[in-house]
Amino acid sequence: MLHFWRTWDQKEIDYIEERNGGLFAYEFKWGNQKAKEPKDWQEAYPHSTFEGININNYLTFIT
């Protein structure tokens, strides 16, 4: 199942996969920017994984 996540104060995660009983969160950035995992997400879903996707690693994500 696919999701996105956003708080009332506009913190967000672009893409979330729910599979095999886990949550896998991905934040997409243009160029070389690094994504930071929102603290609110960490606190709400401490057993999830988070990965920032940018120009340097997007090929790994899509293949």
PDB file of N, CA and C in Angstrom:
ATOM      1  N   MET A   1       0.840  -1.165   0.000  1.00  0.00           N
ATOM      2  CA  MET A   1       0.000   0.000   0.000  1.00  0.00           C
ATOM      3  C   MET A   1       0.893   1.240   0.000  1.00  0.00           C
ATOM      4  N   LEU A   2       0.494   2.276  -0.716  1.00  0.00           N
ATOM      5  CA  LEU A   2       1.277   3.507  -0.846  1.00  0.00           C
ATOM      6  C   LEU A   2       0.604   4.651  -0.105  1.00  0.00           C
ATOM      7  N   HIS A   3       1.435   5.521   0.503  1.00  0.00           N
ATOM      8  CA  HIS A   3       0.927   6.647   1.288  1.00  0.00           C
ATOM      9  C   HIS A   3       1.866   7.840   1.149  1.00  0.00           C
ATOM     10  N   PHE A   4       1.428   8.993   1.630  1.00  0.00           N
ATOM     11  CA  PHE A   4       2.297  10.124   1.922  1.00  0.00           C
ATOM     12  C   PHE A   4       1.938  10.572   3.333  1.00  0.00           C
ATOM     13  N   TRP A   5       2.744  11.461   3.920  1.00  0.00           N
ATOM     14  CA  TRP A   5       2.527  11.861   5.315  1.00  0.00           C
ATOM     15  C   TRP A   5       2.822  13.351   5.436  1.00  0.00           C
ATOM     16  N   ARG A   6       1.940  14.067   6.139  1.00  0.00           N
ATOM     17  CA  ARG A   6       2.165  15.496   6.382  1.00  0.00           C
ATOM     18  C   ARG A   6       1.533  15.883   7.710  1.00  0.00           C
ATOM     19  N   THR A   7       2.235  16.741   8.457  1.00  0.00           N
ATOM     20  CA  THR A   7       1.721  17.234   9.730  1.00  0.00           C
ATOM     21  C   THR A   7       1.002  18.563   9.505  1.00  0.00           C
ATOM     22  N   TRP A   8       0.329  19.032  10.545  1.00  0.00           N
ATOM     23  CA  TRP A   8      -0.358  20.323  10.467  1.00  0.00           C
ATOM     24  C   TRP A   8       0.622  21.469  10.229  1.00  0.00           C
ATOM     25  N   ASP A   9       1.866  21.311  10.703  1.00  0.00           N
ATOM     26  CA  ASP A   9       2.856  22.379  10.494  1.00  0.00           C
ATOM     27  C   ASP A   9       3.729  22.126   9.256  1.00  0.00           C
ATOM     28  N   GLN A  10       3.209  21.345   8.305  1.00  0.00           N
ATOM     29  CA  GLN A  10       3.776  21.163   6.967  1.00  0.00           C
ATOM     30  C   GLN A  10       5.053  20.328   6.887  1.00  0.00           C
ATOM     31  N   LYS A  11       5.372  19.553   7.897  1.00  0.00           N
ATOM     32  CA  LYS A  11       6.447  18.576   7.742  1.00  0.00           C
ATOM     33  C   LYS A  11       5.863  17.428   6.933  1.00  0.00           C
ATOM     34  N   GLU A  12       6.676  16.863   6.027  1.00  0.00           N
ATOM     35  CA  GLU A  12       6.107  15.851   5.149  1.00  0.00           C
ATOM     36  C   GLU A  12       7.117  14.792   4.736  1.00  0.00           C
ATOM     37  N   ILE A  13       6.571  13.683   4.295  1.00  0.00           N
ATOM     38  CA  ILE A  13       7.333  12.629   3.634  1.00  0.00           C
ATOM     39  C   ILE A  13       6.596  12.346   2.332  1.00  0.00           C
ATOM     40  N   ASP A  14       7.353  12.322   1.241  1.00  0.00           N
ATOM     41  CA  ASP A  14       6.749  12.247  -0.088  1.00  0.00           C
ATOM     42  C   ASP A  14       6.119  10.901  -0.416  1.00  0.00           C
ATOM     43  N   TYR A  15       6.740   9.827   0.013  1.00  0.00           N
ATOM     44  CA  TYR A  15       6.312   8.505  -0.457  1.00  0.00           C
ATOM     45  C   TYR A  15       6.553   7.483   0.648  1.00  0.00           C
ATOM     46  N   ILE A  16       5.532   6.719   0.978  1.00  0.00           N
ATOM     47  CA  ILE A  16       5.643   5.695   2.023  1.00  0.00           C
ATOM     48  C   ILE A  16       5.084   4.392   1.478  1.00  0.00           C
ATOM     49  N   GLU A  17       5.858   3.340   1.610  1.00  0.00           N
ATOM     50  CA  GLU A  17       5.410   1.999   1.240  1.00  0.00           C
ATOM     51  C   GLU A  17       5.134   1.221   2.515  1.00  0.00           C
ATOM     52  N   GLU A  18       3.996   0.579   2.537  1.00  0.00           N
ATOM     53  CA  GLU A  18       3.662  -0.329   3.632  1.00  0.00           C
ATOM     54  C   GLU A  18       3.753  -1.735   3.048  1.00  0.00           C
ATOM     55  N   ARG A  19       4.776  -2.486   3.481  1.00  0.00           N
ATOM     56  CA  ARG A  19       4.952  -3.842   2.959  1.00  0.00           C
ATOM     57  C   ARG A  19       5.621  -4.733   3.997  1.00  0.00           C
ATOM     58  N   ASN A  20       5.251  -5.990   3.965  1.00  0.00           N
ATOM     59  CA  ASN A  20       5.799  -6.995   4.883  1.00  0.00           C
ATOM     60  C   ASN A  20       5.720  -6.552   6.340  1.00  0.00           C
ATOM     61  N   GLY A  21       4.667  -5.841   6.690  1.00  0.00           N
ATOM     62  CA  GLY A  21       4.470  -5.403   8.062  1.00  0.00           C
ATOM     63  C   GLY A  21       5.295  -4.204   8.478  1.00  0.00           C
ATOM     64  N   GLY A  22       6.003  -3.574   7.547  1.00  0.00           N
ATOM     65  CA  GLY A  22       6.840  -2.426   7.885  1.00  0.00           C
ATOM     66  C   GLY A  22       6.496  -1.200   7.065  1.00  0.00           C
ATOM     67  N   LEU A  23       7.004  -0.047   7.517  1.00  0.00           N
ATOM     68  CA  LEU A  23       6.835   1.213   6.801  1.00  0.00           C
ATOM     69  C   LEU A  23       8.194   1.667   6.272  1.00  0.00           C
ATOM     70  N   PHE A  24       8.227   2.000   4.994  1.00  0.00           N
ATOM     71  CA  PHE A  24       9.445   2.426   4.327  1.00  0.00           C
ATOM     72  C   PHE A  24       9.185   3.811   3.741  1.00  0.00           C
ATOM     73  N   ALA A  25       9.812   4.823   4.327  1.00  0.00           N
ATOM     74  CA  ALA A  25       9.559   6.216   3.963  1.00  0.00           C
ATOM     75  C   ALA A  25      10.682   6.748   3.073  1.00  0.00           C
ATOM     76  N   TYR A  26      10.281   7.530   2.062  1.00  0.00           N
ATOM     77  CA  TYR A  26      11.234   8.114   1.119  1.00  0.00           C
ATOM     78  C   TYR A  26      10.911   9.590   0.928  1.00  0.00           C
ATOM     79  N   GLU A  27      11.947  10.408   0.986  1.00  0.00           N
ATOM     80  CA  GLU A  27      11.810  11.841   0.729  1.00  0.00           C
ATOM     81  C   GLU A  27      12.666  12.165  -0.492  1.00  0.00           C
ATOM     82  N   PHE A  28      12.076  12.812  -1.487  1.00  0.00           N
ATOM     83  CA  PHE A  28      12.761  13.117  -2.735  1.00  0.00           C
ATOM     84  C   PHE A  28      13.231  14.566  -2.739  1.00  0.00           C
ATOM     85  N   LYS A  29      14.488  14.766  -3.127  1.00  0.00           N
ATOM     86  CA  LYS A  29      15.078  16.107  -3.221  1.00  0.00           C
ATOM     87  C   LYS A  29      15.719  16.278  -4.587  1.00  0.00           C
ATOM     88  N   TRP A  30      15.666  17.490  -5.093  1.00  0.00           N
ATOM     89  CA  TRP A  30      16.277  17.796  -6.366  1.00  0.00           C
ATOM     90  C   TRP A  30      17.763  18.077  -6.165  1.00  0.00           C
ATOM     91  N   GLY A  31      18.585  17.686  -7.085  1.00  0.00           N
ATOM     92  CA  GLY A  31      20.016  17.962  -7.013  1.00  0.00           C
ATOM     93  C   GLY A  31      20.695  17.124  -5.944  1.00  0.00           C
ATOM     94  N   ASN A  32      21.627  17.739  -5.244  1.00  0.00           N
ATOM     95  CA  ASN A  32      22.413  17.039  -4.227  1.00  0.00           C
ATOM     96  C   ASN A  32      21.886  17.237  -2.812  1.00  0.00           C
ATOM     97  N   GLN A  33      20.737  17.875  -2.668  1.00  0.00           N
ATOM     98  CA  GLN A  33      20.201  18.135  -1.331  1.00  0.00           C
ATOM     99  C   GLN A  33      19.991  16.828  -0.573  1.00  0.00           C
ATOM    100  N   LYS A  34      20.264  16.866   0.720  1.00  0.00           N
ATOM    101  CA  LYS A  34      20.034  15.698   1.567  1.00  0.00           C
ATOM    102  C   LYS A  34      18.736  15.877   2.341  1.00  0.00           C
ATOM    103  N   ALA A  35      17.965  14.822   2.384  1.00  0.00           N
ATOM    104  CA  ALA A  35      16.697  14.844   3.118  1.00  0.00           C
ATOM    105  C   ALA A  35      16.944  14.442   4.564  1.00  0.00           C
ATOM    106  N   LYS A  36      16.253  15.104   5.474  1.00  0.00           N
ATOM    107  CA  LYS A  36      16.316  14.749   6.891  1.00  0.00           C
ATOM    108  C   LYS A  36      14.997  14.127   7.301  1.00  0.00           C
ATOM    109  N   GLU A  37      15.087  13.081   8.091  1.00  0.00           N
ATOM    110  CA  GLU A  37      13.885  12.432   8.602  1.00  0.00           C
ATOM    111  C   GLU A  37      13.218  13.343   9.628  1.00  0.00           C
ATOM    112  N   PRO A  38      11.953  13.691   9.430  1.00  0.00           N
ATOM    113  CA  PRO A  38      11.274  14.553  10.403  1.00  0.00           C
ATOM    114  C   PRO A  38      11.195  13.899  11.787  1.00  0.00           C
ATOM    115  N   LYS A  39      11.487  14.676  12.806  1.00  0.00           N
ATOM    116  CA  LYS A  39      11.457  14.165  14.178  1.00  0.00           C
ATOM    117  C   LYS A  39      10.072  13.625  14.537  1.00  0.00           C
ATOM    118  N   ASP A  40       9.025  14.306  14.071  1.00  0.00           N
ATOM    119  CA  ASP A  40       7.659  13.838  14.345  1.00  0.00           C
ATOM    120  C   ASP A  40       7.425  12.446  13.767  1.00  0.00           C
ATOM    121  N   TRP A  41       7.979  12.185  12.595  1.00  0.00           N
ATOM    122  CA  TRP A  41       7.859  10.853  11.972  1.00  0.00           C
ATOM    123  C   TRP A  41       8.601   9.815  12.815  1.00  0.00           C
ATOM    124  N   GLN A  42       9.833  10.140  13.227  1.00  0.00           N
ATOM    125  CA  GLN A  42      10.630   9.226  14.054  1.00  0.00           C
ATOM    126  C   GLN A  42       9.885   8.847  15.321  1.00  0.00           C
ATOM    127  N   GLU A  43       9.272   9.833  15.956  1.00  0.00           N
ATOM    128  CA  GLU A  43       8.561   9.581  17.210  1.00  0.00           C
ATOM    129  C   GLU A  43       7.289   8.767  16.989  1.00  0.00           C
ATOM    130  N   ALA A  44       6.581   9.033  15.905  1.00  0.00           N
ATOM    131  CA  ALA A  44       5.321   8.334  15.637  1.00  0.00           C
ATOM    132  C   ALA A  44       5.543   6.920  15.112  1.00  0.00           C
ATOM    133  N   TYR A  45       6.618   6.716  14.350  1.00  0.00           N
ATOM    134  CA  TYR A  45       6.877   5.419  13.709  1.00  0.00           C
ATOM    135  C   TYR A  45       8.337   5.019  13.922  1.00  0.00           C
ATOM    136  N   PRO A  46       8.715   4.707  15.157  1.00  0.00           N
ATOM    137  CA  PRO A  46      10.127   4.461  15.466  1.00  0.00           C
ATOM    138  C   PRO A  46      10.723   3.227  14.786  1.00  0.00           C
ATOM    139  N   HIS A  47       9.905   2.307  14.332  1.00  0.00           N
ATOM    140  CA  HIS A  47      10.433   1.088  13.713  1.00  0.00           C
ATOM    141  C   HIS A  47      10.407   1.155  12.187  1.00  0.00           C
ATOM    142  N   SER A  48      10.124   2.324  11.646  1.00  0.00           N
ATOM    143  CA  SER A  48      10.108   2.492  10.194  1.00  0.00           C
ATOM    144  C   SER A  48      11.525   2.755   9.686  1.00  0.00           C
ATOM    145  N   THR A  49      11.683   2.678   8.367  1.00  0.00           N
ATOM    146  CA  THR A  49      12.950   3.073   7.755  1.00  0.00           C
ATOM    147  C   THR A  49      12.721   4.355   6.964  1.00  0.00           C
ATOM    148  N   PHE A  50      13.782   5.134   6.779  1.00  0.00           N
ATOM    149  CA  PHE A  50      13.705   6.399   6.055  1.00  0.00           C
ATOM    150  C   PHE A  50      14.906   6.496   5.131  1.00  0.00           C
ATOM    151  N   GLU A  51      14.656   6.938   3.909  1.00  0.00           N
ATOM    152  CA  GLU A  51      15.751   7.138   2.965  1.00  0.00           C
ATOM    153  C   GLU A  51      15.493   8.394   2.150  1.00  0.00           C
ATOM    154  N   GLY A  52      16.513   9.223   2.040  1.00  0.00           N
ATOM    155  CA  GLY A  52      16.443  10.392   1.179  1.00  0.00           C
ATOM    156  C   GLY A  52      16.903  10.014  -0.222  1.00  0.00           C
ATOM    157  N   ILE A  53      16.140  10.422  -1.223  1.00  0.00           N
ATOM    158  CA  ILE A  53      16.471  10.115  -2.612  1.00  0.00           C
ATOM    159  C   ILE A  53      16.808  11.425  -3.315  1.00  0.00           C
ATOM    160  N   ASN A  54      17.969  11.456  -3.989  1.00  0.00           N
ATOM    161  CA  ASN A  54      18.367  12.638  -4.747  1.00  0.00           C
ATOM    162  C   ASN A  54      19.083  12.206  -6.023  1.00  0.00           C
ATOM    163  N   ILE A  55      19.699  13.146  -6.702  1.00  0.00           N
ATOM    164  CA  ILE A  55      20.356  12.873  -7.978  1.00  0.00           C
ATOM    165  C   ILE A  55      21.453  11.816  -7.852  1.00  0.00           C
ATOM    166  N   ASN A  56      22.033  11.680  -6.678  1.00  0.00           N
ATOM    167  CA  ASN A  56      23.134  10.737  -6.484  1.00  0.00           C
ATOM    168  C   ASN A  56      22.688   9.292  -6.315  1.00  0.00           C
ATOM    169  N   ASN A  57      21.464   9.057  -5.866  1.00  0.00           N
ATOM    170  CA  ASN A  57      21.055   7.676  -5.589  1.00  0.00           C
ATOM    171  C   ASN A  57      19.706   7.277  -6.187  1.00  0.00           C
ATOM    172  N   TYR A  58      19.141   8.112  -7.044  1.00  0.00           N
ATOM    173  CA  TYR A  58      17.807   7.793  -7.563  1.00  0.00           C
ATOM    174  C   TYR A  58      17.792   6.541  -8.430  1.00  0.00           C
ATOM    175  N   LEU A  59      18.890   6.250  -9.133  1.00  0.00           N
ATOM    176  CA  LEU A  59      18.907   5.045  -9.970  1.00  0.00           C
ATOM    177  C   LEU A  59      18.779   3.779  -9.137  1.00  0.00           C
ATOM    178  N   THR A  60      19.369   3.769  -7.979  1.00  0.00           N
ATOM    179  CA  THR A  60      19.228   2.622  -7.083  1.00  0.00           C
ATOM    180  C   THR A  60      17.780   2.468  -6.647  1.00  0.00           C
ATOM    181  N   PHE A  61      17.100   3.569  -6.418  1.00  0.00           N
ATOM    182  CA  PHE A  61      15.705   3.525  -5.987  1.00  0.00           C
ATOM    183  C   PHE A  61      14.787   2.985  -7.081  1.00  0.00           C
ATOM    184  N   ILE A  62      15.000   3.388  -8.325  1.00  0.00           N
ATOM    185  CA  ILE A  62      14.068   2.993  -9.386  1.00  0.00           C
ATOM    186  C   ILE A  62      14.394   1.652 -10.028  1.00  0.00           C
ATOM    187  N   THR A  63      15.530   1.079  -9.713  1.00  0.00           N
ATOM    188  CA  THR A  63      15.847  -0.232 -10.309  1.00  0.00           C
ATOM    189  C   THR A  63      15.738  -1.343  -9.302  1.00  0.00           C
TER     190      THR A  63
END
